[in-house]
């Protein structure tokens, strides 16, 4: 574990100054993406990219198992993420998330959804790729919860040229071991993953994108994205999805680092 922590610290010390140098020179910085990819590998993930990610003007919809999802997805595509507002004030993590252009939302602020949607619209107007985790919490890789739709209001109507691309994160047999679920604290999960011996394969499937305009309304967009993710997950697992054993507490569950707005 300590070797991995040291390597993560080294990655921060080497990548962050280069990112700020690129920004000082007014260049588009690849360093956040490179950092995320290296951090995923240090944590034990051997990321295999399947399919072709759209680089810009895209809204990714992804299943969610672990904080490693952010490292792997960001490293594979350069995407920004939607995260709960508390992450922005977290030591180190909030600083790193800010460098990757994270869009923060307040889960409890139902009256402020319109402002949060406007933040996403501004981000898409800047040609970003943005990922949300519409289940609203992490699962075990054997199941897929119903999708929550408030953040999809940004697609009502969809900005010109923006596509939706479902992304399946497939941890294979390691999924249930890696997943951050139940009442496990984040620090305990991090210790457990970093102390885990060996590596594991994480296949990031970029599925066929679709035009949100073909599925009017956020509920129809969510349903189509979930349908495609479920079919891909069943194919990857080789068996039907299983009921999520923490489904009853999912509504009140404290989500992982980048869980989307519920």
C-alpha atoms as a PDB file:
ATOM      1  CA  UNK A   1       0.000   0.000   0.000  1.00  0.00           C
ATOM      2  CA  UNK A   2       2.732   2.482   0.953  1.00  0.00           C
ATOM      3  CA  UNK A   3       4.504   1.945  -2.346  1.00  0.00           C
ATOM      4  CA  UNK A   4       1.325   2.873  -4.207  1.00  0.00           C
ATOM      5  CA  UNK A   5       0.771   5.925  -2.014  1.00  0.00           C
ATOM      6  CA  UNK A   6       4.334   7.056  -2.716  1.00  0.00           C
ATOM      7  CA  UNK A   7       3.819   6.600  -6.454  1.00  0.00           C
ATOM      8  CA  UNK A   8       0.569   8.579  -6.324  1.00  0.00           C
ATOM      9  CA  UNK A   9       2.358  11.388  -4.493  1.00  0.00           C
ATOM     10  CA  UNK A  10       5.112  11.324  -7.103  1.00  0.00           C
ATOM     11  CA  UNK A  11       2.501  11.552  -9.861  1.00  0.00           C
ATOM     12  CA  UNK A  12       0.986  14.622  -8.188  1.00  0.00           C
ATOM     13  CA  UNK A  13       4.391  16.287  -7.800  1.00  0.00           C
ATOM     14  CA  UNK A  14       5.320  15.688 -11.440  1.00  0.00           C
ATOM     15  CA  UNK A  15       2.003  16.291 -13.198  1.00  0.00           C
ATOM     16  CA  UNK A  16       0.522  19.255 -11.324  1.00  0.00           C
ATOM     17  CA  UNK A  17       3.411  21.698 -11.981  1.00  0.00           C
ATOM     18  CA  UNK A  18       3.350  20.767 -15.671  1.00  0.00           C
ATOM     19  CA  UNK A  19      -0.392  21.409 -15.787  1.00  0.00           C
ATOM     20  CA  UNK A  20       0.069  24.903 -14.377  1.00  0.00           C
ATOM     21  CA  UNK A  21       2.924  25.551 -16.810  1.00  0.00           C
ATOM     22  CA  UNK A  22       0.656  24.637 -19.721  1.00  0.00           C
ATOM     23  CA  UNK A  23      -2.032  26.938 -18.337  1.00  0.00           C
ATOM     24  CA  UNK A  24       0.502  29.745 -17.918  1.00  0.00           C
ATOM     25  CA  UNK A  25       1.417  29.334 -21.581  1.00  0.00           C
ATOM     26  CA  UNK A  26      -2.301  29.343 -22.458  1.00  0.00           C
ATOM     27  CA  UNK A  27      -2.086  25.835 -23.876  1.00  0.00           C
ATOM     28  CA  UNK A  28      -4.680  23.094 -23.604  1.00  0.00           C
ATOM     29  CA  UNK A  29      -3.345  20.924 -20.793  1.00  0.00           C
ATOM     30  CA  UNK A  30      -3.288  17.129 -21.209  1.00  0.00           C
ATOM     31  CA  UNK A  31      -1.816  16.674 -17.723  1.00  0.00           C
ATOM     32  CA  UNK A  32      -5.047  16.074 -15.749  1.00  0.00           C
ATOM     33  CA  UNK A  33      -5.968  13.270 -18.125  1.00  0.00           C
ATOM     34  CA  UNK A  34      -2.470  11.792 -17.964  1.00  0.00           C
ATOM     35  CA  UNK A  35      -2.506  12.012 -14.184  1.00  0.00           C
ATOM     36  CA  UNK A  36      -5.842  10.193 -13.922  1.00  0.00           C
ATOM     37  CA  UNK A  37      -4.655   7.427 -16.227  1.00  0.00           C
ATOM     38  CA  UNK A  38      -1.427   6.922 -14.288  1.00  0.00           C
ATOM     39  CA  UNK A  39      -3.245   7.044 -10.960  1.00  0.00           C
ATOM     40  CA  UNK A  40      -5.606   4.306 -12.150  1.00  0.00           C
ATOM     41  CA  UNK A  41      -2.653   2.125 -13.075  1.00  0.00           C
ATOM     42  CA  UNK A  42      -0.899   2.790  -9.763  1.00  0.00           C
ATOM     43  CA  UNK A  43      -4.105   1.755  -7.957  1.00  0.00           C
ATOM     44  CA  UNK A  44      -3.956  -1.573  -9.780  1.00  0.00           C
ATOM     45  CA  UNK A  45      -6.298  -1.036 -12.739  1.00  0.00           C
ATOM     46  CA  UNK A  46      -5.172  -2.248 -16.142  1.00  0.00           C
ATOM     47  CA  UNK A  47      -7.526  -0.197 -18.277  1.00  0.00           C
ATOM     48  CA  UNK A  48      -8.593  -1.586 -21.636  1.00  0.00           C
ATOM     49  CA  UNK A  49     -10.477   0.886 -23.822  1.00  0.00           C
ATOM     50  CA  UNK A  50     -13.178  -0.710 -25.971  1.00  0.00           C
ATOM     51  CA  UNK A  51     -14.869   1.374 -28.643  1.00  0.00           C
ATOM     52  CA  UNK A  52     -14.265   4.990 -29.565  1.00  0.00           C
ATOM     53  CA  UNK A  53     -15.018   7.812 -27.125  1.00  0.00           C
ATOM     54  CA  UNK A  54     -16.341  11.056 -28.521  1.00  0.00           C
ATOM     55  CA  UNK A  55     -13.870  13.732 -27.461  1.00  0.00           C
ATOM     56  CA  UNK A  56     -16.132  16.755 -27.187  1.00  0.00           C
ATOM     57  CA  UNK A  57     -19.766  17.813 -27.300  1.00  0.00           C
ATOM     58  CA  UNK A  58     -20.723  14.609 -25.510  1.00  0.00           C
ATOM     59  CA  UNK A  59     -22.649  13.637 -22.402  1.00  0.00           C
ATOM     60  CA  UNK A  60     -21.410  10.297 -21.056  1.00  0.00           C
ATOM     61  CA  UNK A  61     -23.800   8.131 -18.998  1.00  0.00           C
ATOM     62  CA  UNK A  62     -21.892   5.555 -16.940  1.00  0.00           C
ATOM     63  CA  UNK A  63     -22.480   2.874 -14.350  1.00  0.00           C
ATOM     64  CA  UNK A  64     -20.628   3.436 -11.086  1.00  0.00           C
ATOM     65  CA  UNK A  65     -18.716   1.076  -8.780  1.00  0.00           C
ATOM     66  CA  UNK A  66     -15.764   2.895  -7.268  1.00  0.00           C
ATOM     67  CA  UNK A  67     -13.633   6.022  -7.088  1.00  0.00           C
ATOM     68  CA  UNK A  68     -11.406   4.205  -9.577  1.00  0.00           C
ATOM     69  CA  UNK A  69     -14.148   4.832 -12.161  1.00  0.00           C
ATOM     70  CA  UNK A  70     -13.113   8.488 -12.229  1.00  0.00           C
ATOM     71  CA  UNK A  71      -9.444   7.685 -12.747  1.00  0.00           C
ATOM     72  CA  UNK A  72     -10.117   5.150 -15.500  1.00  0.00           C
ATOM     73  CA  UNK A  73     -12.797   7.113 -17.365  1.00  0.00           C
ATOM     74  CA  UNK A  74     -10.923  10.394 -17.132  1.00  0.00           C
ATOM     75  CA  UNK A  75      -7.694   8.788 -18.276  1.00  0.00           C
ATOM     76  CA  UNK A  76      -9.379   7.019 -21.182  1.00  0.00           C
ATOM     77  CA  UNK A  77     -11.378   9.958 -22.529  1.00  0.00           C
ATOM     78  CA  UNK A  78     -10.344  13.215 -20.862  1.00  0.00           C
ATOM     79  CA  UNK A  79     -13.885  13.721 -19.570  1.00  0.00           C
ATOM     80  CA  UNK A  80     -14.867  16.093 -16.807  1.00  0.00           C
ATOM     81  CA  UNK A  81     -17.299  14.896 -14.134  1.00  0.00           C
ATOM     82  CA  UNK A  82     -20.322  15.991 -12.173  1.00  0.00           C
ATOM     83  CA  UNK A  83     -19.560  15.735  -8.456  1.00  0.00           C
ATOM     84  CA  UNK A  84     -21.293  16.589  -5.206  1.00  0.00           C
ATOM     85  CA  UNK A  85     -20.359  20.036  -3.914  1.00  0.00           C
ATOM     86  CA  UNK A  86     -18.558  18.697  -0.828  1.00  0.00           C
ATOM     87  CA  UNK A  87     -15.802  17.321  -3.024  1.00  0.00           C
ATOM     88  CA  UNK A  88     -14.804  20.834  -4.048  1.00  0.00           C
ATOM     89  CA  UNK A  89     -13.820  21.680  -0.461  1.00  0.00           C
ATOM     90  CA  UNK A  90     -12.082  18.375   0.323  1.00  0.00           C
ATOM     91  CA  UNK A  91      -8.311  18.655   0.897  1.00  0.00           C
ATOM     92  CA  UNK A  92      -6.193  17.624  -2.109  1.00  0.00           C
ATOM     93  CA  UNK A  93      -9.061  15.736  -3.765  1.00  0.00           C
ATOM     94  CA  UNK A  94     -11.023  18.950  -4.321  1.00  0.00           C
ATOM     95  CA  UNK A  95      -7.937  20.659  -5.691  1.00  0.00           C
ATOM     96  CA  UNK A  96      -7.275  17.826  -8.144  1.00  0.00           C
ATOM     97  CA  UNK A  97     -10.952  17.629  -9.125  1.00  0.00           C
ATOM     98  CA  UNK A  98     -10.945  21.347  -9.883  1.00  0.00           C
ATOM     99  CA  UNK A  99      -8.031  20.944 -12.266  1.00  0.00           C
ATOM    100  CA  UNK A 100     -10.131  18.416 -14.200  1.00  0.00           C
ATOM    101  CA  UNK A 101     -12.940  20.984 -14.624  1.00  0.00           C
ATOM    102  CA  UNK A 102     -15.358  19.228 -12.288  1.00  0.00           C
ATOM    103  CA  UNK A 103     -18.902  20.615 -12.251  1.00  0.00           C
ATOM    104  CA  UNK A 104     -20.179  20.675  -8.667  1.00  0.00           C
ATOM    105  CA  UNK A 105     -23.801  20.149  -7.681  1.00  0.00           C
ATOM    106  CA  UNK A 106     -25.588  20.253  -4.338  1.00  0.00           C
ATOM    107  CA  UNK A 107     -27.607  17.091  -3.923  1.00  0.00           C
ATOM    108  CA  UNK A 108     -29.822  18.574  -1.227  1.00  0.00           C
ATOM    109  CA  UNK A 109     -30.472  21.848  -3.067  1.00  0.00           C
ATOM    110  CA  UNK A 110     -33.614  20.960  -4.986  1.00  0.00           C
ATOM    111  CA  UNK A 111     -34.424  24.640  -5.523  1.00  0.00           C
ATOM    112  CA  UNK A 112     -31.036  25.240  -7.113  1.00  0.00           C
ATOM    113  CA  UNK A 113     -31.318  22.623  -9.842  1.00  0.00           C
ATOM    114  CA  UNK A 114     -31.837  25.301 -12.504  1.00  0.00           C
ATOM    115  CA  UNK A 115     -28.522  26.970 -11.627  1.00  0.00           C
ATOM    116  CA  UNK A 116     -26.775  23.610 -11.679  1.00  0.00           C
ATOM    117  CA  UNK A 117     -28.259  22.867 -15.099  1.00  0.00           C
ATOM    118  CA  UNK A 118     -26.949  26.210 -16.332  1.00  0.00           C
ATOM    119  CA  UNK A 119     -23.449  25.223 -15.163  1.00  0.00           C
ATOM    120  CA  UNK A 120     -23.677  22.086 -17.272  1.00  0.00           C
ATOM    121  CA  UNK A 121     -24.985  24.039 -20.263  1.00  0.00           C
ATOM    122  CA  UNK A 122     -22.022  26.403 -19.998  1.00  0.00           C
ATOM    123  CA  UNK A 123     -19.655  23.445 -19.827  1.00  0.00           C
ATOM    124  CA  UNK A 124     -21.183  21.836 -22.904  1.00  0.00           C
ATOM    125  CA  UNK A 125     -21.027  25.178 -24.707  1.00  0.00           C
ATOM    126  CA  UNK A 126     -17.255  25.035 -24.163  1.00  0.00           C
ATOM    127  CA  UNK A 127     -17.172  21.688 -26.039  1.00  0.00           C
ATOM    128  CA  UNK A 128     -16.468  19.612 -22.963  1.00  0.00           C
ATOM    129  CA  UNK A 129     -17.052  15.932 -22.519  1.00  0.00           C
ATOM    130  CA  UNK A 130     -18.983  15.441 -19.256  1.00  0.00           C
ATOM    131  CA  UNK A 131     -19.717  12.235 -17.342  1.00  0.00           C
ATOM    132  CA  UNK A 132     -22.569  11.663 -14.935  1.00  0.00           C
ATOM    133  CA  UNK A 133     -23.376   8.531 -12.948  1.00  0.00           C
ATOM    134  CA  UNK A 134     -27.180   8.481 -13.201  1.00  0.00           C
ATOM    135  CA  UNK A 135     -27.696   5.635 -10.720  1.00  0.00           C
ATOM    136  CA  UNK A 136     -26.857   8.217  -8.055  1.00  0.00           C
ATOM    137  CA  UNK A 137     -24.701   5.790  -6.043  1.00  0.00           C
ATOM    138  CA  UNK A 138     -22.205   2.966  -6.460  1.00  0.00           C
ATOM    139  CA  UNK A 139     -23.206  -0.652  -7.067  1.00  0.00           C
ATOM    140  CA  UNK A 140     -21.449  -4.020  -7.173  1.00  0.00           C
ATOM    141  CA  UNK A 141     -21.016  -4.451 -10.925  1.00  0.00           C
ATOM    142  CA  UNK A 142     -23.651  -7.185 -11.026  1.00  0.00           C
ATOM    143  CA  UNK A 143     -26.643  -4.850 -11.069  1.00  0.00           C
ATOM    144  CA  UNK A 144     -27.882  -1.571 -12.487  1.00  0.00           C
ATOM    145  CA  UNK A 145     -30.167   0.742 -10.523  1.00  0.00           C
ATOM    146  CA  UNK A 146     -32.877   2.946 -12.061  1.00  0.00           C
ATOM    147  CA  UNK A 147     -31.477   6.135 -13.519  1.00  0.00           C
ATOM    148  CA  UNK A 148     -32.166   9.477 -11.862  1.00  0.00           C
ATOM    149  CA  UNK A 149     -32.823  12.283 -14.296  1.00  0.00           C
ATOM    150  CA  UNK A 150     -32.498  15.830 -12.835  1.00  0.00           C
ATOM    151  CA  UNK A 151     -29.076  16.481 -14.385  1.00  0.00           C
ATOM    152  CA  UNK A 152     -30.390  15.355 -17.768  1.00  0.00           C
ATOM    153  CA  UNK A 153     -32.511  18.490 -17.899  1.00  0.00           C
ATOM    154  CA  UNK A 154     -29.512  20.011 -19.639  1.00  0.00           C
ATOM    155  CA  UNK A 155     -30.677  17.993 -22.649  1.00  0.00           C
ATOM    156  CA  UNK A 156     -34.164  19.515 -22.658  1.00  0.00           C
ATOM    157  CA  UNK A 157     -33.745  20.577 -25.395  1.00  0.00           C
ATOM    158  CA  UNK A 158     -30.277  19.208 -26.264  1.00  0.00           C
ATOM    159  CA  UNK A 159     -27.637  21.807 -27.176  1.00  0.00           C
ATOM    160  CA  UNK A 160     -26.787  21.753 -30.904  1.00  0.00           C
ATOM    161  CA  UNK A 161     -24.369  18.988 -31.853  1.00  0.00           C
ATOM    162  CA  UNK A 162     -24.293  17.315 -28.417  1.00  0.00           C
ATOM    163  CA  UNK A 163     -24.456  13.510 -28.360  1.00  0.00           C
ATOM    164  CA  UNK A 164     -25.096  11.028 -25.546  1.00  0.00           C
ATOM    165  CA  UNK A 165     -22.697   8.102 -25.219  1.00  0.00           C
ATOM    166  CA  UNK A 166     -23.268   5.308 -22.677  1.00  0.00           C
ATOM    167  CA  UNK A 167     -20.078   4.038 -21.008  1.00  0.00           C
ATOM    168  CA  UNK A 168     -19.885   0.611 -19.373  1.00  0.00           C
ATOM    169  CA  UNK A 169     -17.260   0.045 -16.683  1.00  0.00           C
ATOM    170  CA  UNK A 170     -16.595  -3.691 -16.508  1.00  0.00           C
ATOM    171  CA  UNK A 171     -14.313  -4.870 -13.687  1.00  0.00           C
ATOM    172  CA  UNK A 172     -14.948  -8.535 -14.485  1.00  0.00           C
ATOM    173  CA  UNK A 173     -14.539 -10.926 -11.577  1.00  0.00           C
ATOM    174  CA  UNK A 174     -12.875  -8.203  -9.479  1.00  0.00           C
ATOM    175  CA  UNK A 175     -15.981  -5.987  -9.532  1.00  0.00           C
ATOM    176  CA  UNK A 176     -17.596  -7.125  -6.306  1.00  0.00           C
ATOM    177  CA  UNK A 177     -14.263  -6.902  -4.470  1.00  0.00           C
ATOM    178  CA  UNK A 178     -13.416  -3.442  -5.796  1.00  0.00           C
ATOM    179  CA  UNK A 179     -16.886  -1.901  -5.382  1.00  0.00           C
ATOM    180  CA  UNK A 180     -17.407   0.766  -2.722  1.00  0.00           C
ATOM    181  CA  UNK A 181     -20.810  -0.132  -1.304  1.00  0.00           C
ATOM    182  CA  UNK A 182     -22.668  -0.551   1.965  1.00  0.00           C
ATOM    183  CA  UNK A 183     -21.419   1.329   5.009  1.00  0.00           C
ATOM    184  CA  UNK A 184     -17.724   1.142   4.155  1.00  0.00           C
ATOM    185  CA  UNK A 185     -15.995   4.472   4.740  1.00  0.00           C
ATOM    186  CA  UNK A 186     -14.151   6.044   1.837  1.00  0.00           C
ATOM    187  CA  UNK A 187     -10.787   5.974   3.618  1.00  0.00           C
ATOM    188  CA  UNK A 188     -11.262   2.296   4.447  1.00  0.00           C
ATOM    189  CA  UNK A 189     -12.115   1.491   0.845  1.00  0.00           C
ATOM    190  CA  UNK A 190      -9.053   3.382  -0.381  1.00  0.00           C
ATOM    191  CA  UNK A 191      -6.815   1.508   2.042  1.00  0.00           C
ATOM    192  CA  UNK A 192      -8.316  -1.808   1.003  1.00  0.00           C
ATOM    193  CA  UNK A 193      -7.884  -1.172  -2.722  1.00  0.00           C
ATOM    194  CA  UNK A 194      -4.366   0.229  -2.402  1.00  0.00           C
ATOM    195  CA  UNK A 195      -3.334  -2.701  -0.190  1.00  0.00           C
ATOM    196  CA  UNK A 196      -4.736  -5.231  -2.667  1.00  0.00           C
ATOM    197  CA  UNK A 197      -2.006  -7.349  -4.251  1.00  0.00           C
ATOM    198  CA  UNK A 198      -1.646  -7.562  -7.985  1.00  0.00           C
ATOM    199  CA  UNK A 199      -3.712  -5.834 -10.641  1.00  0.00           C
ATOM    200  CA  UNK A 200      -7.142  -6.193 -12.199  1.00  0.00           C
ATOM    201  CA  UNK A 201      -8.505  -5.575 -15.683  1.00  0.00           C
ATOM    202  CA  UNK A 202     -10.990  -2.768 -16.134  1.00  0.00           C
ATOM    203  CA  UNK A 203     -12.642  -2.651 -19.537  1.00  0.00           C
ATOM    204  CA  UNK A 204     -14.088   0.755 -20.382  1.00  0.00           C
ATOM    205  CA  UNK A 205     -16.671   0.187 -23.106  1.00  0.00           C
ATOM    206  CA  UNK A 206     -17.626   3.296 -25.063  1.00  0.00           C
ATOM    207  CA  UNK A 207     -20.943   2.213 -26.550  1.00  0.00           C
ATOM    208  CA  UNK A 208     -22.591   3.564 -29.674  1.00  0.00           C
ATOM    209  CA  UNK A 209     -23.587   7.216 -29.136  1.00  0.00           C
ATOM    210  CA  UNK A 210     -27.069   8.479 -29.913  1.00  0.00           C
ATOM    211  CA  UNK A 211     -28.746  11.787 -30.600  1.00  0.00           C
ATOM    212  CA  UNK A 212     -30.731  12.910 -27.556  1.00  0.00           C
ATOM    213  CA  UNK A 213     -33.125  14.706 -29.908  1.00  0.00           C
ATOM    214  CA  UNK A 214     -34.321  11.263 -31.061  1.00  0.00           C
ATOM    215  CA  UNK A 215     -35.568  10.568 -27.516  1.00  0.00           C
ATOM    216  CA  UNK A 216     -37.472  13.687 -26.429  1.00  0.00           C
ATOM    217  CA  UNK A 217     -37.296  14.411 -22.721  1.00  0.00           C
ATOM    218  CA  UNK A 218     -34.829  13.455 -20.044  1.00  0.00           C
ATOM    219  CA  UNK A 219     -36.746  10.348 -18.981  1.00  0.00           C
ATOM    220  CA  UNK A 220     -36.682   8.937 -22.509  1.00  0.00           C
ATOM    221  CA  UNK A 221     -32.959   9.753 -22.816  1.00  0.00           C
ATOM    222  CA  UNK A 222     -32.252   8.069 -19.481  1.00  0.00           C
ATOM    223  CA  UNK A 223     -34.291   5.018 -20.460  1.00  0.00           C
ATOM    224  CA  UNK A 224     -32.428   4.619 -23.738  1.00  0.00           C
ATOM    225  CA  UNK A 225     -29.036   5.054 -22.080  1.00  0.00           C
ATOM    226  CA  UNK A 226     -29.918   2.530 -19.391  1.00  0.00           C
ATOM    227  CA  UNK A 227     -31.268   0.054 -21.957  1.00  0.00           C
ATOM    228  CA  UNK A 228     -27.967   0.123 -23.827  1.00  0.00           C
ATOM    229  CA  UNK A 229     -25.886  -0.130 -20.659  1.00  0.00           C
ATOM    230  CA  UNK A 230     -27.956  -3.023 -19.336  1.00  0.00           C
ATOM    231  CA  UNK A 231     -27.604  -4.974 -22.596  1.00  0.00           C
ATOM    232  CA  UNK A 232     -23.834  -4.418 -22.611  1.00  0.00           C
ATOM    233  CA  UNK A 233     -23.493  -5.362 -18.924  1.00  0.00           C
ATOM    234  CA  UNK A 234     -25.513  -8.580 -19.356  1.00  0.00           C
ATOM    235  CA  UNK A 235     -23.323  -9.463 -22.332  1.00  0.00           C
ATOM    236  CA  UNK A 236     -20.147  -8.785 -20.333  1.00  0.00           C
ATOM    237  CA  UNK A 237     -21.344 -10.767 -17.292  1.00  0.00           C
ATOM    238  CA  UNK A 238     -22.697 -13.674 -19.278  1.00  0.00           C
ATOM    239  CA  UNK A 239     -25.806 -13.861 -17.073  1.00  0.00           C
ATOM    240  CA  UNK A 240     -28.831 -11.682 -16.168  1.00  0.00           C
ATOM    241  CA  UNK A 241     -28.387  -8.806 -13.765  1.00  0.00           C
ATOM    242  CA  UNK A 242     -28.774  -9.534 -10.063  1.00  0.00           C
ATOM    243  CA  UNK A 243     -30.801  -7.483  -7.573  1.00  0.00           C
ATOM    244  CA  UNK A 244     -28.560  -5.005  -5.783  1.00  0.00           C
ATOM    245  CA  UNK A 245     -28.346  -6.113  -2.166  1.00  0.00           C
ATOM    246  CA  UNK A 246     -28.161  -2.520  -0.900  1.00  0.00           C
ATOM    247  CA  UNK A 247     -30.984  -1.260  -3.143  1.00  0.00           C
ATOM    248  CA  UNK A 248     -33.279  -0.401  -0.225  1.00  0.00           C
ATOM    249  CA  UNK A 249     -30.752   1.975   1.314  1.00  0.00           C
ATOM    250  CA  UNK A 250     -29.545   3.426  -1.999  1.00  0.00           C
ATOM    251  CA  UNK A 251     -31.740   6.516  -1.696  1.00  0.00           C
ATOM    252  CA  UNK A 252     -30.063   7.543   1.537  1.00  0.00           C
ATOM    253  CA  UNK A 253     -26.691   6.099   0.707  1.00  0.00           C
ATOM    254  CA  UNK A 254     -23.643   8.346   0.914  1.00  0.00           C
ATOM    255  CA  UNK A 255     -22.295   8.113  -2.650  1.00  0.00           C
ATOM    256  CA  UNK A 256     -18.737   7.796  -3.853  1.00  0.00           C
ATOM    257  CA  UNK A 257     -16.542  10.695  -4.923  1.00  0.00           C
ATOM    258  CA  UNK A 258     -18.203  11.633  -8.206  1.00  0.00           C
ATOM    259  CA  UNK A 259     -21.758  10.420  -7.860  1.00  0.00           C
ATOM    260  CA  UNK A 260     -24.191  12.450  -9.886  1.00  0.00           C
ATOM    261  CA  UNK A 261     -27.180  14.439  -8.723  1.00  0.00           C
ATOM    262  CA  UNK A 262     -29.981  12.284  -7.411  1.00  0.00           C
END
